[in-house]
Amino acid sequence: MSFSSTSFTIPRRSTIDADGKPHKLTIGVLDLVSTFSYTIVPKLSVHAYLKASTLNTSDKYLLAGPASIFMNNNFVTHSSIDNVCIGDTFDLPLGIDSGIKVEYKPVKKTNDTQGIISKTHLKTVRHETHITNTKTNEVVVFVYDQFPLSSDEKIKVNLVHPDLRRKDTNPHNSITLKDTNNLEWKCVLPSRGECRLPFEYTVEWPHDKEVEFKEEL
């Protein structure tokens, strides 16, 4: 929804100096409940970024604009919010949390040639991400990595690990191949818990073709 104004009832009178300068005035305090999660893209950064998802359960529309983010009474960052309707959810970034340790194991690549008459190139790519929760509370992390997408039917890309058909022993964990062709791992980690996320795929193409790999997230 697009809206440019809303109205608030200010509970008490305030005096604003008539000096032609901008002044800040508290017009309301909304007590909203947030859920917290971490976003990790290990190929780009070995940091865990904390995010707060908040449901607007108030009877107020929130207008788009700049926001100053505080956590535990400490300033975190400057951000912004879009227009938020009643009943909508909005996300706010809370910065890097060093309590979540991320280790991105070096990528291992092997090349092979298959076939006797009709030869093909086979490239295997393997790596693994380790995540450790050093905090005293349970956390939810979302990890993203790119699964290559072929634009040529003669170039075959096969996912070896993880097995998307296999259910995790923890029902709260999941692995999803998104519409963007990125893999998403959802992991619920208890205090001092860790997870290991192996990722392996193969790319096979005709011997007489040249293949160019481009990395985009």
N, C-alpha and C. Protein backbone atom coordinates (compact mmCIF):
# COMPACT_ATOMS: atom_id res chain seq x y z
N MET A 1 0.85 -1.19 0.00
CA MET A 1 0.00 0.00 0.00
C MET A 1 0.88 1.24 0.00
N SER A 2 0.46 2.25 -0.77
CA SER A 2 1.19 3.51 -0.79
C SER A 2 0.38 4.57 -0.06
N PHE A 3 0.99 5.17 0.95
CA PHE A 3 0.33 6.27 1.64
C PHE A 3 1.38 7.25 2.09
N SER A 4 0.99 8.52 2.16
CA SER A 4 1.96 9.58 2.45
C SER A 4 1.73 10.25 3.79
N SER A 5 0.63 9.93 4.46
CA SER A 5 0.36 10.58 5.74
C SER A 5 -0.48 9.67 6.62
N THR A 6 -0.39 9.90 7.89
CA THR A 6 -1.23 9.22 8.86
C THR A 6 -1.37 10.14 10.06
N SER A 7 -2.26 9.85 10.97
CA SER A 7 -2.48 10.74 12.10
C SER A 7 -2.23 10.03 13.41
N PHE A 8 -1.66 10.74 14.37
CA PHE A 8 -1.40 10.23 15.71
C PHE A 8 -2.00 11.20 16.73
N THR A 9 -2.53 10.66 17.79
CA THR A 9 -2.99 11.49 18.90
C THR A 9 -1.87 11.59 19.92
N ILE A 10 -1.36 12.81 20.14
CA ILE A 10 -0.26 13.01 21.08
C ILE A 10 -0.84 13.06 22.49
N PRO A 11 -0.38 12.19 23.39
CA PRO A 11 -1.03 12.06 24.70
C PRO A 11 -0.81 13.24 25.65
N ARG A 12 0.18 14.07 25.38
CA ARG A 12 0.42 15.20 26.29
C ARG A 12 0.85 16.43 25.50
N ARG A 13 0.70 17.57 26.12
CA ARG A 13 1.09 18.81 25.47
C ARG A 13 2.61 18.97 25.48
N SER A 14 3.12 19.59 24.43
CA SER A 14 4.55 19.87 24.34
C SER A 14 4.74 21.28 23.80
N THR A 15 5.83 21.88 24.18
CA THR A 15 6.16 23.23 23.72
C THR A 15 7.29 23.15 22.70
N ILE A 16 7.07 23.76 21.55
CA ILE A 16 8.07 23.78 20.49
C ILE A 16 8.46 25.24 20.26
N ASP A 17 9.74 25.53 20.35
CA ASP A 17 10.22 26.89 20.16
C ASP A 17 9.91 27.39 18.75
N ALA A 18 9.48 28.62 18.66
CA ALA A 18 9.19 29.23 17.36
C ALA A 18 10.45 29.88 16.81
N ASP A 19 11.45 29.04 16.50
CA ASP A 19 12.73 29.57 16.04
C ASP A 19 13.05 29.17 14.61
N GLY A 20 12.10 28.56 13.93
CA GLY A 20 12.33 28.18 12.54
C GLY A 20 13.25 26.99 12.36
N LYS A 21 13.62 26.31 13.44
CA LYS A 21 14.52 25.16 13.36
C LYS A 21 13.73 23.87 13.56
N PRO A 22 14.22 22.77 12.99
CA PRO A 22 13.52 21.49 13.18
C PRO A 22 13.67 20.99 14.62
N HIS A 23 12.63 20.39 15.14
CA HIS A 23 12.65 19.84 16.50
C HIS A 23 12.07 18.43 16.47
N LYS A 24 12.60 17.56 17.32
CA LYS A 24 12.08 16.20 17.44
C LYS A 24 11.12 16.12 18.61
N LEU A 25 10.01 15.41 18.38
CA LEU A 25 8.99 15.28 19.40
C LEU A 25 8.47 13.85 19.40
N THR A 26 8.43 13.22 20.56
CA THR A 26 7.89 11.87 20.66
C THR A 26 6.37 11.94 20.56
N ILE A 27 5.83 11.28 19.54
CA ILE A 27 4.38 11.31 19.35
C ILE A 27 3.74 9.98 19.72
N GLY A 28 4.55 8.98 20.03
CA GLY A 28 3.98 7.71 20.44
C GLY A 28 5.05 6.67 20.65
N VAL A 29 4.75 5.69 21.46
CA VAL A 29 5.64 4.56 21.71
C VAL A 29 4.85 3.28 21.45
N LEU A 30 5.34 2.47 20.52
CA LEU A 30 4.66 1.23 20.16
C LEU A 30 5.44 0.05 20.72
N ASP A 31 4.79 -0.81 21.44
CA ASP A 31 5.42 -1.99 22.02
C ASP A 31 5.11 -3.18 21.11
N LEU A 32 6.08 -3.54 20.26
CA LEU A 32 5.89 -4.59 19.27
C LEU A 32 6.85 -5.74 19.55
N VAL A 33 6.42 -6.94 19.22
CA VAL A 33 7.23 -8.14 19.45
C VAL A 33 7.99 -8.50 18.18
N SER A 34 9.27 -8.79 18.32
CA SER A 34 10.11 -9.16 17.18
C SER A 34 10.62 -10.59 17.32
N THR A 35 10.88 -11.21 16.18
CA THR A 35 11.58 -12.49 16.15
C THR A 35 12.93 -12.24 15.48
N PHE A 36 13.96 -12.92 15.98
CA PHE A 36 15.32 -12.65 15.52
C PHE A 36 15.88 -13.86 14.77
N SER A 37 16.63 -13.57 13.73
CA SER A 37 17.30 -14.62 12.97
C SER A 37 18.59 -14.04 12.40
N TYR A 38 19.42 -14.94 11.89
CA TYR A 38 20.71 -14.54 11.32
C TYR A 38 20.76 -14.93 9.85
N THR A 39 21.35 -14.06 9.05
CA THR A 39 21.55 -14.32 7.63
C THR A 39 23.05 -14.46 7.37
N ILE A 40 23.42 -15.55 6.70
CA ILE A 40 24.83 -15.82 6.41
C ILE A 40 24.97 -16.17 4.93
N VAL A 41 25.86 -15.47 4.24
CA VAL A 41 26.22 -15.81 2.85
C VAL A 41 27.72 -16.05 2.86
N PRO A 42 28.17 -17.26 3.20
CA PRO A 42 29.59 -17.50 3.47
C PRO A 42 30.50 -17.25 2.29
N LYS A 43 29.98 -17.38 1.07
CA LYS A 43 30.82 -17.12 -0.10
C LYS A 43 31.26 -15.66 -0.15
N LEU A 44 30.42 -14.77 0.39
CA LEU A 44 30.71 -13.34 0.35
C LEU A 44 31.27 -12.80 1.65
N SER A 45 30.87 -13.39 2.78
CA SER A 45 31.30 -12.86 4.08
C SER A 45 31.17 -13.94 5.14
N VAL A 46 32.18 -14.07 6.00
CA VAL A 46 32.12 -15.05 7.09
C VAL A 46 31.59 -14.38 8.35
N HIS A 47 30.55 -13.61 8.20
CA HIS A 47 29.88 -12.95 9.33
C HIS A 47 28.41 -13.34 9.34
N ALA A 48 27.83 -13.33 10.53
CA ALA A 48 26.41 -13.58 10.69
C ALA A 48 25.72 -12.24 10.96
N TYR A 49 24.72 -11.92 10.16
CA TYR A 49 24.03 -10.64 10.27
C TYR A 49 22.68 -10.85 10.95
N LEU A 50 22.50 -10.18 12.07
CA LEU A 50 21.28 -10.32 12.85
C LEU A 50 20.17 -9.47 12.24
N LYS A 51 18.97 -10.06 12.19
CA LYS A 51 17.81 -9.37 11.63
C LYS A 51 16.63 -9.53 12.56
N ALA A 52 15.87 -8.45 12.75
CA ALA A 52 14.65 -8.49 13.55
C ALA A 52 13.45 -8.39 12.62
N SER A 53 12.55 -9.36 12.69
CA SER A 53 11.29 -9.32 11.93
C SER A 53 10.17 -8.97 12.91
N THR A 54 9.47 -7.89 12.62
CA THR A 54 8.50 -7.35 13.57
C THR A 54 7.13 -7.23 12.93
N LEU A 55 6.12 -7.71 13.64
CA LEU A 55 4.73 -7.61 13.18
C LEU A 55 4.11 -6.35 13.78
N ASN A 56 3.54 -5.52 12.92
CA ASN A 56 2.89 -4.30 13.39
C ASN A 56 1.50 -4.63 13.93
N THR A 57 1.45 -4.93 15.21
CA THR A 57 0.18 -5.29 15.85
C THR A 57 -0.53 -4.07 16.43
N SER A 58 0.01 -2.89 16.19
CA SER A 58 -0.62 -1.67 16.70
C SER A 58 -1.76 -1.25 15.78
N ASP A 59 -2.41 -0.16 16.13
CA ASP A 59 -3.48 0.40 15.29
C ASP A 59 -2.96 1.61 14.51
N LYS A 60 -1.63 1.66 14.30
CA LYS A 60 -1.01 2.78 13.61
C LYS A 60 -0.34 2.32 12.32
N TYR A 61 -0.44 3.18 11.29
CA TYR A 61 0.35 3.00 10.09
C TYR A 61 1.71 3.66 10.32
N LEU A 62 2.77 2.99 9.88
CA LEU A 62 4.12 3.54 10.03
C LEU A 62 4.58 4.06 8.67
N LEU A 63 5.00 5.32 8.65
CA LEU A 63 5.43 5.93 7.40
C LEU A 63 6.89 5.61 7.11
N ALA A 64 7.19 5.51 5.83
CA ALA A 64 8.57 5.25 5.41
C ALA A 64 9.47 6.40 5.82
N GLY A 65 10.69 6.07 6.21
CA GLY A 65 11.63 7.11 6.59
C GLY A 65 12.84 6.55 7.28
N PRO A 66 13.77 7.41 7.66
CA PRO A 66 15.00 6.96 8.33
C PRO A 66 14.70 6.44 9.73
N ALA A 67 15.55 5.53 10.19
CA ALA A 67 15.38 4.94 11.53
C ALA A 67 16.75 4.79 12.19
N SER A 68 16.80 5.07 13.47
CA SER A 68 18.00 4.82 14.27
C SER A 68 17.74 3.56 15.09
N ILE A 69 18.64 2.58 14.97
CA ILE A 69 18.43 1.28 15.58
C ILE A 69 19.25 1.17 16.87
N PHE A 70 18.57 0.83 17.96
CA PHE A 70 19.23 0.60 19.24
C PHE A 70 18.91 -0.82 19.70
N MET A 71 19.86 -1.45 20.37
CA MET A 71 19.64 -2.78 20.93
C MET A 71 20.27 -2.81 22.32
N ASN A 72 19.49 -3.20 23.32
CA ASN A 72 19.95 -3.16 24.71
C ASN A 72 20.46 -1.77 25.09
N ASN A 73 19.73 -0.76 24.62
CA ASN A 73 20.05 0.65 24.88
C ASN A 73 21.35 1.12 24.25
N ASN A 74 21.90 0.32 23.33
CA ASN A 74 23.12 0.70 22.64
C ASN A 74 22.81 0.96 21.17
N PHE A 75 23.36 2.06 20.64
CA PHE A 75 23.14 2.38 19.23
C PHE A 75 23.81 1.34 18.35
N VAL A 76 23.08 0.87 17.33
CA VAL A 76 23.61 -0.16 16.43
C VAL A 76 23.93 0.43 15.06
N THR A 77 22.93 1.06 14.43
CA THR A 77 23.15 1.57 13.08
C THR A 77 22.00 2.49 12.68
N HIS A 78 22.24 3.22 11.60
CA HIS A 78 21.16 3.97 10.96
C HIS A 78 20.57 3.10 9.86
N SER A 79 19.27 3.12 9.71
CA SER A 79 18.61 2.32 8.69
C SER A 79 17.40 3.09 8.18
N SER A 80 16.48 2.39 7.57
CA SER A 80 15.24 3.01 7.10
C SER A 80 14.16 1.94 7.05
N ILE A 81 12.91 2.37 7.08
CA ILE A 81 11.79 1.44 6.95
C ILE A 81 10.90 1.91 5.81
N ASP A 82 10.23 0.96 5.19
CA ASP A 82 9.22 1.29 4.18
C ASP A 82 7.89 1.55 4.89
N ASN A 83 6.89 1.93 4.12
CA ASN A 83 5.56 2.06 4.69
C ASN A 83 5.11 0.73 5.27
N VAL A 84 4.59 0.74 6.48
CA VAL A 84 4.15 -0.49 7.15
C VAL A 84 2.67 -0.34 7.51
N CYS A 85 1.85 -1.20 6.94
CA CYS A 85 0.42 -1.18 7.25
C CYS A 85 0.16 -1.93 8.56
N ILE A 86 -1.02 -1.75 9.09
CA ILE A 86 -1.43 -2.50 10.27
C ILE A 86 -1.49 -3.98 9.90
N GLY A 87 -0.83 -4.81 10.69
CA GLY A 87 -0.80 -6.24 10.42
C GLY A 87 0.31 -6.70 9.51
N ASP A 88 1.13 -5.76 9.00
CA ASP A 88 2.26 -6.12 8.15
C ASP A 88 3.50 -6.41 8.99
N THR A 89 4.42 -7.16 8.39
CA THR A 89 5.70 -7.46 9.02
C THR A 89 6.80 -6.67 8.33
N PHE A 90 7.72 -6.12 9.09
CA PHE A 90 8.85 -5.40 8.51
C PHE A 90 10.14 -5.89 9.17
N ASP A 91 11.23 -5.81 8.40
CA ASP A 91 12.54 -6.29 8.86
C ASP A 91 13.47 -5.12 9.14
N LEU A 92 14.30 -5.29 10.15
CA LEU A 92 15.31 -4.29 10.49
C LEU A 92 16.65 -4.98 10.70
N PRO A 93 17.72 -4.51 10.05
CA PRO A 93 19.05 -5.08 10.25
C PRO A 93 19.64 -4.61 11.57
N LEU A 94 20.30 -5.52 12.28
CA LEU A 94 20.90 -5.18 13.57
C LEU A 94 22.41 -5.38 13.58
N GLY A 95 22.98 -5.57 12.40
CA GLY A 95 24.43 -5.63 12.31
C GLY A 95 25.01 -7.02 12.53
N ILE A 96 26.33 -7.07 12.61
CA ILE A 96 27.08 -8.32 12.76
C ILE A 96 27.08 -8.76 14.22
N ASP A 97 26.89 -10.05 14.43
CA ASP A 97 26.96 -10.62 15.78
C ASP A 97 28.16 -11.58 15.83
N SER A 98 29.19 -11.20 16.58
CA SER A 98 30.40 -12.02 16.65
C SER A 98 30.19 -13.29 17.46
N GLY A 99 29.02 -13.43 18.09
CA GLY A 99 28.74 -14.65 18.85
C GLY A 99 28.41 -15.84 17.97
N ILE A 100 28.21 -15.60 16.68
CA ILE A 100 27.99 -16.68 15.72
C ILE A 100 29.24 -16.80 14.86
N LYS A 101 29.94 -17.92 14.99
CA LYS A 101 31.19 -18.12 14.27
C LYS A 101 30.92 -18.86 12.96
N VAL A 102 31.49 -18.33 11.88
CA VAL A 102 31.30 -18.92 10.55
C VAL A 102 32.66 -19.24 9.96
N GLU A 103 32.81 -20.48 9.50
CA GLU A 103 34.05 -20.91 8.84
C GLU A 103 33.70 -21.48 7.48
N TYR A 104 34.26 -20.89 6.44
CA TYR A 104 34.00 -21.32 5.06
C TYR A 104 35.21 -22.09 4.56
N LYS A 105 35.08 -23.40 4.49
CA LYS A 105 36.19 -24.24 4.07
C LYS A 105 36.55 -23.95 2.61
N PRO A 106 37.84 -24.01 2.26
CA PRO A 106 38.26 -23.72 0.89
C PRO A 106 37.53 -24.61 -0.12
N VAL A 107 37.20 -24.00 -1.26
CA VAL A 107 36.52 -24.73 -2.32
C VAL A 107 37.50 -25.70 -2.97
N LYS A 108 37.05 -26.94 -3.16
CA LYS A 108 37.85 -27.95 -3.84
C LYS A 108 37.23 -28.25 -5.21
N LYS A 109 38.04 -28.13 -6.25
CA LYS A 109 37.55 -28.37 -7.61
C LYS A 109 38.38 -29.45 -8.27
N THR A 110 37.71 -30.38 -8.92
CA THR A 110 38.40 -31.43 -9.67
C THR A 110 37.83 -31.48 -11.08
N ASN A 111 38.69 -31.80 -12.04
CA ASN A 111 38.27 -31.90 -13.44
C ASN A 111 38.58 -33.29 -13.96
N ASP A 112 37.66 -33.82 -14.75
CA ASP A 112 37.81 -35.18 -15.27
C ASP A 112 37.22 -35.23 -16.67
N THR A 113 37.60 -36.26 -17.40
CA THR A 113 37.04 -36.51 -18.73
C THR A 113 36.41 -37.88 -18.73
N GLN A 114 35.17 -37.98 -19.21
CA GLN A 114 34.44 -39.24 -19.22
C GLN A 114 34.08 -39.64 -20.64
N GLY A 115 33.81 -40.93 -20.82
CA GLY A 115 33.37 -41.43 -22.11
C GLY A 115 34.52 -41.90 -22.98
N ILE A 116 34.20 -42.79 -23.93
CA ILE A 116 35.20 -43.31 -24.86
C ILE A 116 35.02 -42.70 -26.24
N ILE A 117 33.78 -42.78 -26.76
CA ILE A 117 33.50 -42.22 -28.07
C ILE A 117 33.02 -40.77 -27.95
N SER A 118 32.00 -40.58 -27.14
CA SER A 118 31.46 -39.24 -26.92
C SER A 118 31.98 -38.73 -25.57
N LYS A 119 33.08 -38.03 -25.61
CA LYS A 119 33.72 -37.59 -24.38
C LYS A 119 33.06 -36.33 -23.82
N THR A 120 33.06 -36.25 -22.50
CA THR A 120 32.52 -35.08 -21.82
C THR A 120 33.47 -34.64 -20.72
N HIS A 121 33.43 -33.35 -20.43
CA HIS A 121 34.16 -32.80 -19.29
C HIS A 121 33.27 -32.92 -18.06
N LEU A 122 33.88 -33.24 -16.92
CA LEU A 122 33.14 -33.30 -15.66
C LEU A 122 33.90 -32.49 -14.61
N LYS A 123 33.25 -31.47 -14.12
CA LYS A 123 33.86 -30.62 -13.09
C LYS A 123 33.09 -30.83 -11.79
N THR A 124 33.81 -31.15 -10.72
CA THR A 124 33.20 -31.35 -9.41
C THR A 124 33.66 -30.25 -8.46
N VAL A 125 32.70 -29.63 -7.78
CA VAL A 125 33.00 -28.54 -6.85
C VAL A 125 32.49 -28.94 -5.48
N ARG A 126 33.37 -28.87 -4.47
CA ARG A 126 33.00 -29.24 -3.10
C ARG A 126 33.48 -28.16 -2.13
N HIS A 127 32.66 -27.88 -1.15
CA HIS A 127 33.11 -27.07 -0.01
C HIS A 127 32.14 -27.28 1.14
N GLU A 128 32.49 -26.74 2.29
CA GLU A 128 31.69 -26.96 3.49
C GLU A 128 31.71 -25.70 4.35
N THR A 129 30.58 -25.41 4.97
CA THR A 129 30.47 -24.28 5.88
C THR A 129 30.21 -24.78 7.29
N HIS A 130 31.00 -24.30 8.25
CA HIS A 130 30.81 -24.65 9.66
C HIS A 130 30.27 -23.42 10.39
N ILE A 131 29.23 -23.63 11.17
CA ILE A 131 28.63 -22.54 11.95
C ILE A 131 28.54 -22.97 13.40
N THR A 132 29.01 -22.12 14.31
CA THR A 132 28.99 -22.42 15.74
C THR A 132 28.29 -21.29 16.49
N ASN A 133 27.38 -21.67 17.36
CA ASN A 133 26.67 -20.71 18.20
C ASN A 133 27.36 -20.65 19.56
N THR A 134 28.10 -19.59 19.82
CA THR A 134 28.79 -19.44 21.11
C THR A 134 27.94 -18.69 22.13
N LYS A 135 26.73 -18.35 21.76
CA LYS A 135 25.87 -17.57 22.65
C LYS A 135 25.20 -18.49 23.68
N THR A 136 24.55 -17.88 24.66
CA THR A 136 23.89 -18.65 25.72
C THR A 136 22.44 -18.97 25.40
N ASN A 137 21.97 -18.53 24.24
CA ASN A 137 20.59 -18.79 23.84
C ASN A 137 20.52 -19.47 22.49
N GLU A 138 19.40 -20.10 22.21
CA GLU A 138 19.16 -20.74 20.92
C GLU A 138 19.02 -19.68 19.83
N VAL A 139 19.52 -19.98 18.63
CA VAL A 139 19.43 -19.03 17.52
C VAL A 139 18.94 -19.75 16.26
N VAL A 140 18.38 -18.95 15.36
CA VAL A 140 17.95 -19.45 14.05
C VAL A 140 18.81 -18.78 13.00
N VAL A 141 19.45 -19.58 12.14
CA VAL A 141 20.31 -19.02 11.09
C VAL A 141 19.81 -19.48 9.73
N PHE A 142 19.91 -18.58 8.76
CA PHE A 142 19.61 -18.88 7.36
C PHE A 142 20.90 -18.71 6.57
N VAL A 143 21.32 -19.77 5.89
CA VAL A 143 22.57 -19.76 5.14
C VAL A 143 22.24 -19.89 3.65
N TYR A 144 22.91 -19.08 2.83
CA TYR A 144 22.62 -19.08 1.40
C TYR A 144 23.90 -19.34 0.60
N ASP A 145 23.75 -20.14 -0.45
CA ASP A 145 24.86 -20.37 -1.37
C ASP A 145 24.28 -20.60 -2.76
N GLN A 146 25.11 -20.36 -3.76
CA GLN A 146 24.65 -20.39 -5.14
C GLN A 146 24.79 -21.78 -5.75
N PHE A 147 23.71 -22.27 -6.35
CA PHE A 147 23.74 -23.50 -7.13
C PHE A 147 23.70 -23.10 -8.60
N PRO A 148 24.71 -23.47 -9.39
CA PRO A 148 24.80 -23.00 -10.78
C PRO A 148 23.56 -23.36 -11.60
N LEU A 149 23.22 -22.46 -12.51
CA LEU A 149 22.08 -22.66 -13.40
C LEU A 149 22.60 -22.64 -14.83
N SER A 150 22.30 -23.70 -15.58
CA SER A 150 22.77 -23.81 -16.95
C SER A 150 21.76 -23.20 -17.92
N SER A 151 22.26 -22.45 -18.88
CA SER A 151 21.41 -21.87 -19.93
C SER A 151 21.44 -22.70 -21.20
N ASP A 152 22.12 -23.83 -21.16
CA ASP A 152 22.26 -24.73 -22.32
C ASP A 152 21.91 -26.14 -21.88
N GLU A 153 20.98 -26.78 -22.59
CA GLU A 153 20.55 -28.12 -22.19
C GLU A 153 21.66 -29.16 -22.31
N LYS A 154 22.71 -28.85 -23.06
CA LYS A 154 23.83 -29.78 -23.18
C LYS A 154 24.79 -29.68 -22.00
N ILE A 155 24.61 -28.67 -21.20
CA ILE A 155 25.43 -28.51 -20.00
C ILE A 155 24.58 -28.93 -18.81
N LYS A 156 24.98 -30.01 -18.15
CA LYS A 156 24.18 -30.58 -17.07
C LYS A 156 24.81 -30.26 -15.72
N VAL A 157 23.99 -29.72 -14.83
CA VAL A 157 24.43 -29.41 -13.47
C VAL A 157 23.65 -30.29 -12.51
N ASN A 158 24.37 -31.06 -11.70
CA ASN A 158 23.72 -32.00 -10.78
C ASN A 158 24.15 -31.70 -9.34
N LEU A 159 23.16 -31.66 -8.47
CA LEU A 159 23.42 -31.44 -7.04
C LEU A 159 23.72 -32.78 -6.37
N VAL A 160 24.89 -32.89 -5.76
CA VAL A 160 25.29 -34.12 -5.08
C VAL A 160 24.94 -34.04 -3.59
N HIS A 161 25.38 -32.97 -2.95
CA HIS A 161 25.05 -32.69 -1.55
C HIS A 161 24.67 -31.22 -1.42
N PRO A 162 23.63 -30.92 -0.66
CA PRO A 162 22.80 -31.82 0.16
C PRO A 162 21.73 -32.54 -0.67
N ASP A 163 21.16 -33.57 -0.10
CA ASP A 163 20.05 -34.29 -0.72
C ASP A 163 18.75 -33.60 -0.30
N LEU A 164 18.11 -32.94 -1.24
CA LEU A 164 16.90 -32.17 -0.91
C LEU A 164 15.73 -33.06 -0.51
N ARG A 165 15.81 -34.34 -0.85
CA ARG A 165 14.70 -35.26 -0.50
C ARG A 165 14.83 -35.80 0.92
N ARG A 166 16.00 -35.66 1.49
CA ARG A 166 16.23 -36.22 2.83
C ARG A 166 15.78 -35.25 3.91
N LYS A 167 15.00 -35.74 4.85
CA LYS A 167 14.52 -34.91 5.95
C LYS A 167 15.56 -34.85 7.06
N ASP A 168 15.73 -33.66 7.63
CA ASP A 168 16.65 -33.48 8.74
C ASP A 168 16.08 -34.11 10.00
N THR A 169 16.97 -34.60 10.86
CA THR A 169 16.52 -35.19 12.12
C THR A 169 15.86 -34.15 13.02
N ASN A 170 16.22 -32.90 12.83
CA ASN A 170 15.58 -31.80 13.56
C ASN A 170 14.46 -31.24 12.69
N PRO A 171 13.19 -31.37 13.09
CA PRO A 171 12.09 -30.92 12.23
C PRO A 171 12.08 -29.42 11.98
N HIS A 172 12.83 -28.66 12.78
CA HIS A 172 12.88 -27.21 12.60
C HIS A 172 13.90 -26.80 11.54
N ASN A 173 14.76 -27.74 11.13
CA ASN A 173 15.76 -27.45 10.11
C ASN A 173 15.20 -27.78 8.73
N SER A 174 15.70 -27.10 7.71
CA SER A 174 15.23 -27.36 6.36
C SER A 174 16.27 -26.92 5.34
N ILE A 175 16.16 -27.47 4.12
CA ILE A 175 16.99 -27.08 2.99
C ILE A 175 16.06 -26.85 1.81
N THR A 176 16.17 -25.69 1.18
CA THR A 176 15.27 -25.33 0.09
C THR A 176 16.06 -24.77 -1.07
N LEU A 177 15.69 -25.17 -2.29
CA LEU A 177 16.24 -24.56 -3.50
C LEU A 177 15.28 -23.46 -3.92
N LYS A 178 15.71 -22.21 -3.80
CA LYS A 178 14.84 -21.07 -4.05
C LYS A 178 14.65 -20.83 -5.55
N ASP A 179 13.68 -19.99 -5.88
CA ASP A 179 13.43 -19.65 -7.28
C ASP A 179 14.63 -18.97 -7.92
N THR A 180 15.46 -18.33 -7.11
CA THR A 180 16.67 -17.67 -7.61
C THR A 180 17.80 -18.66 -7.87
N ASN A 181 17.54 -19.95 -7.65
CA ASN A 181 18.51 -21.04 -7.77
C ASN A 181 19.60 -20.97 -6.70
N ASN A 182 19.30 -20.30 -5.61
CA ASN A 182 20.17 -20.31 -4.44
C ASN A 182 19.66 -21.32 -3.43
N LEU A 183 20.57 -22.03 -2.79
CA LEU A 183 20.20 -22.95 -1.73
C LEU A 183 20.04 -22.19 -0.42
N GLU A 184 19.01 -22.54 0.32
CA GLU A 184 18.78 -21.93 1.63
C GLU A 184 18.75 -23.03 2.69
N TRP A 185 19.66 -22.94 3.64
CA TRP A 185 19.64 -23.83 4.81
C TRP A 185 19.03 -23.06 5.97
N LYS A 186 18.09 -23.65 6.65
CA LYS A 186 17.59 -23.10 7.91
C LYS A 186 18.05 -24.02 9.02
N CYS A 187 18.80 -23.47 9.98
CA CYS A 187 19.34 -24.27 11.08
C CYS A 187 18.97 -23.62 12.41
N VAL A 188 18.44 -24.43 13.30
CA VAL A 188 18.17 -23.98 14.67
C VAL A 188 19.28 -24.54 15.55
N LEU A 189 20.08 -23.63 16.12
CA LEU A 189 21.25 -24.05 16.89
C LEU A 189 21.05 -23.74 18.37
N PRO A 190 21.17 -24.75 19.23
CA PRO A 190 21.13 -24.48 20.67
C PRO A 190 22.40 -23.78 21.11
N SER A 191 22.43 -23.33 22.34
CA SER A 191 23.64 -22.72 22.88
C SER A 191 24.81 -23.69 22.77
N ARG A 192 25.92 -23.21 22.24
CA ARG A 192 27.15 -24.00 22.02
C ARG A 192 26.96 -25.06 20.93
N GLY A 193 25.86 -24.98 20.21
CA GLY A 193 25.62 -25.95 19.14
C GLY A 193 26.33 -25.54 17.87
N GLU A 194 26.48 -26.49 16.95
CA GLU A 194 27.13 -26.21 15.68
C GLU A 194 26.47 -27.02 14.58
N CYS A 195 26.69 -26.59 13.35
CA CYS A 195 26.21 -27.36 12.20
C CYS A 195 27.27 -27.32 11.10
N ARG A 196 27.30 -28.38 10.33
CA ARG A 196 28.21 -28.49 9.20
C ARG A 196 27.36 -28.66 7.95
N LEU A 197 27.61 -27.82 6.97
CA LEU A 197 26.78 -27.80 5.77
C LEU A 197 27.63 -28.13 4.55
N PRO A 198 27.70 -29.41 4.16
CA PRO A 198 28.44 -29.78 2.95
C PRO A 198 27.67 -29.38 1.70
N PHE A 199 28.39 -28.95 0.69
CA PHE A 199 27.78 -28.53 -0.57
C PHE A 199 28.66 -29.06 -1.70
N GLU A 200 28.06 -29.86 -2.57
CA GLU A 200 28.82 -30.45 -3.68
C GLU A 200 27.92 -30.55 -4.91
N TYR A 201 28.49 -30.20 -6.06
CA TYR A 201 27.74 -30.34 -7.31
C TYR A 201 28.71 -30.65 -8.45
N THR A 202 28.17 -31.16 -9.54
CA THR A 202 28.97 -31.46 -10.72
C THR A 202 28.41 -30.71 -11.92
N VAL A 203 29.31 -30.37 -12.83
CA VAL A 203 28.94 -29.75 -14.10
C VAL A 203 29.53 -30.60 -15.21
N GLU A 204 28.68 -31.05 -16.13
CA GLU A 204 29.11 -31.92 -17.23
C GLU A 204 28.74 -31.28 -18.56
N TRP A 205 29.70 -31.25 -19.49
CA TRP A 205 29.44 -30.64 -20.78
C TRP A 205 30.26 -31.34 -21.87
N PRO A 206 29.81 -31.25 -23.14
CA PRO A 206 30.50 -31.92 -24.25
C PRO A 206 31.95 -31.47 -24.37
N HIS A 207 32.79 -32.39 -24.81
CA HIS A 207 34.23 -32.14 -24.90
C HIS A 207 34.56 -31.00 -25.85
N ASP A 208 33.71 -30.79 -26.86
CA ASP A 208 34.00 -29.78 -27.88
C ASP A 208 33.43 -28.41 -27.54
N LYS A 209 32.92 -28.24 -26.34
CA LYS A 209 32.34 -26.96 -25.95
C LYS A 209 33.21 -26.26 -24.91
N GLU A 210 33.16 -24.93 -24.95
CA GLU A 210 33.83 -24.12 -23.94
C GLU A 210 32.77 -23.59 -22.98
N VAL A 211 33.04 -23.67 -21.68
CA VAL A 211 32.08 -23.24 -20.67
C VAL A 211 32.68 -22.10 -19.86
N GLU A 212 31.89 -21.05 -19.69
CA GLU A 212 32.29 -19.91 -18.87
C GLU A 212 31.44 -19.89 -17.61
N PHE A 213 32.10 -19.85 -16.45
CA PHE A 213 31.40 -19.83 -15.17
C PHE A 213 31.32 -18.39 -14.66
N LYS A 214 30.11 -17.96 -14.31
CA LYS A 214 29.90 -16.64 -13.74
C LYS A 214 29.26 -16.79 -12.37
N GLU A 215 29.78 -16.05 -11.39
CA GLU A 215 29.24 -16.12 -10.03
C GLU A 215 28.41 -14.89 -9.74
N GLU A 216 27.13 -15.13 -9.47
CA GLU A 216 26.21 -14.05 -9.13
C GLU A 216 25.33 -14.51 -7.98
N LEU A 217 25.10 -13.62 -7.00
CA LEU A 217 24.21 -13.91 -5.88
C LEU A 217 23.12 -12.85 -5.82
